[in-house]
Amino acid sequence: MKVLRSIHVGLLCAQRHPEDRPTMTSVILMLGSDGPLPSPKEPGFYVGECTQDSAHWYGISSNNDLSISILDGR
């Protein structure tokens, strides 16, 4: 049960927006008690089904069929 609680607190600490993350004081209290925990939001690194709208939002869509990267030394 402690492992699941630790994972839950870890998910709370990995929220996309800093204001949604708990403070270290809150983390210590959450790990040391058995009280209820808030539900985490969807993490920023979540990789789900990619739709055209979400691809455009995250900047992963491209209008061209070919991409070339040229690396130059310093």
C-alpha atoms as a PDB file:
ATOM      1  CA  MET A   1       0.000   0.000   0.000  1.00  0.00           C
ATOM      2  CA  LYS A   2       2.923   2.355   0.732  1.00  0.00           C
ATOM      3  CA  VAL A   3       4.258   1.780  -2.783  1.00  0.00           C
ATOM      4  CA  LEU A   4       0.947   2.822  -4.364  1.00  0.00           C
ATOM      5  CA  ARG A   5       0.821   5.900  -2.145  1.00  0.00           C
ATOM      6  CA  SER A   6       4.379   6.828  -3.161  1.00  0.00           C
ATOM      7  CA  ILE A   7       3.482   6.449  -6.849  1.00  0.00           C
ATOM      8  CA  HIS A   8       0.373   8.593  -6.356  1.00  0.00           C
ATOM      9  CA  VAL A   9       2.416  11.343  -4.668  1.00  0.00           C
ATOM     10  CA  GLY A  10       4.996  11.062  -7.457  1.00  0.00           C
ATOM     11  CA  LEU A  11       2.261  11.653 -10.039  1.00  0.00           C
ATOM     12  CA  LEU A  12       1.153  14.729  -8.121  1.00  0.00           C
ATOM     13  CA  CYS A  13       4.751  16.008  -8.240  1.00  0.00           C
ATOM     14  CA  ALA A  14       4.916  15.500 -12.025  1.00  0.00           C
ATOM     15  CA  GLN A  15       2.026  17.796 -12.922  1.00  0.00           C
ATOM     16  CA  ARG A  16       2.489  19.939 -16.022  1.00  0.00           C
ATOM     17  CA  HIS A  17       1.886  23.275 -14.272  1.00  0.00           C
ATOM     18  CA  PRO A  18       3.998  24.115 -11.203  1.00  0.00           C
ATOM     19  CA  GLU A  19       1.010  25.524  -9.322  1.00  0.00           C
ATOM     20  CA  ASP A  20      -0.625  22.063  -9.495  1.00  0.00           C
ATOM     21  CA  ARG A  21       2.379  20.394  -7.822  1.00  0.00           C
ATOM     22  CA  PRO A  22       2.509  19.945  -4.032  1.00  0.00           C
ATOM     23  CA  THR A  23       5.140  21.676  -1.917  1.00  0.00           C
ATOM     24  CA  MET A  24       7.842  19.556  -0.272  1.00  0.00           C
ATOM     25  CA  THR A  25       6.146  20.102   3.081  1.00  0.00           C
ATOM     26  CA  SER A  26       2.916  18.689   1.612  1.00  0.00           C
ATOM     27  CA  VAL A  27       4.785  15.748   0.083  1.00  0.00           C
ATOM     28  CA  ILE A  28       6.278  14.834   3.467  1.00  0.00           C
ATOM     29  CA  LEU A  29       2.868  15.084   5.128  1.00  0.00           C
ATOM     30  CA  MET A  30       1.204  13.006   2.374  1.00  0.00           C
ATOM     31  CA  LEU A  31       3.834  10.271   2.621  1.00  0.00           C
ATOM     32  CA  GLY A  32       3.681  10.177   6.420  1.00  0.00           C
ATOM     33  CA  SER A  33      -0.094   9.972   6.786  1.00  0.00           C
ATOM     34  CA  ASP A  34      -2.882   7.697   5.598  1.00  0.00           C
ATOM     35  CA  GLY A  35      -5.349  10.454   4.667  1.00  0.00           C
ATOM     36  CA  PRO A  36      -6.947  10.862   1.248  1.00  0.00           C
ATOM     37  CA  LEU A  37      -4.856  12.286  -1.583  1.00  0.00           C
ATOM     38  CA  PRO A  38      -6.005  14.672  -4.320  1.00  0.00           C
ATOM     39  CA  SER A  39      -6.421  13.184  -7.783  1.00  0.00           C
ATOM     40  CA  PRO A  40      -3.574  13.937 -10.172  1.00  0.00           C
ATOM     41  CA  LYS A  41      -4.356  15.607 -13.487  1.00  0.00           C
ATOM     42  CA  GLU A  42      -3.152  14.173 -16.766  1.00  0.00           C
ATOM     43  CA  PRO A  43       0.660  14.547 -16.778  1.00  0.00           C
ATOM     44  CA  GLY A  44       2.308  16.783 -19.369  1.00  0.00           C
ATOM     45  CA  PHE A  45       4.309  13.892 -20.786  1.00  0.00           C
ATOM     46  CA  TYR A  46       1.250  11.712 -21.433  1.00  0.00           C
ATOM     47  CA  VAL A  47       1.410  10.116 -24.886  1.00  0.00           C
ATOM     48  CA  GLY A  48      -2.068   9.139 -25.955  1.00  0.00           C
ATOM     49  CA  GLU A  49      -3.892   8.911 -29.218  1.00  0.00           C
ATOM     50  CA  CYS A  50      -2.701  11.663 -31.543  1.00  0.00           C
ATOM     51  CA  THR A  51      -5.405  13.565 -33.393  1.00  0.00           C
ATOM     52  CA  GLN A  52      -4.935  16.264 -36.001  1.00  0.00           C
ATOM     53  CA  ASP A  53      -5.948  18.961 -33.493  1.00  0.00           C
ATOM     54  CA  SER A  54      -3.574  17.744 -30.788  1.00  0.00           C
ATOM     55  CA  ALA A  55      -0.744  17.319 -33.307  1.00  0.00           C
ATOM     56  CA  HIS A  56      -1.147  20.944 -34.350  1.00  0.00           C
ATOM     57  CA  TRP A  57      -1.318  22.102 -30.713  1.00  0.00           C
ATOM     58  CA  TYR A  58       1.921  20.354 -29.761  1.00  0.00           C
ATOM     59  CA  GLY A  59       3.716  21.419 -32.930  1.00  0.00           C
ATOM     60  CA  ILE A  60       4.337  17.929 -34.262  1.00  0.00           C
ATOM     61  CA  SER A  61       2.525  18.332 -37.545  1.00  0.00           C
ATOM     62  CA  SER A  62       4.311  19.190 -40.760  1.00  0.00           C
ATOM     63  CA  ASN A  63       3.073  20.314 -44.148  1.00  0.00           C
ATOM     64  CA  ASN A  64       6.068  18.942 -46.045  1.00  0.00           C
ATOM     65  CA  ASP A  65       6.869  15.310 -46.731  1.00  0.00           C
ATOM     66  CA  LEU A  66      10.604  15.602 -46.212  1.00  0.00           C
ATOM     67  CA  SER A  67      12.726  16.945 -43.402  1.00  0.00           C
ATOM     68  CA  ILE A  68      16.487  17.371 -43.660  1.00  0.00           C
ATOM     69  CA  SER A  69      18.787  18.271 -40.794  1.00  0.00           C
ATOM     70  CA  ILE A  70      22.296  19.445 -41.545  1.00  0.00           C
ATOM     71  CA  LEU A  71      24.734  19.305 -38.652  1.00  0.00           C
ATOM     72  CA  ASP A  72      27.708  21.674 -38.696  1.00  0.00           C
ATOM     73  CA  GLY A  73      30.628  21.516 -36.309  1.00  0.00           C
ATOM     74  CA  ARG A  74      31.536  24.543 -34.242  1.00  0.00           C
END
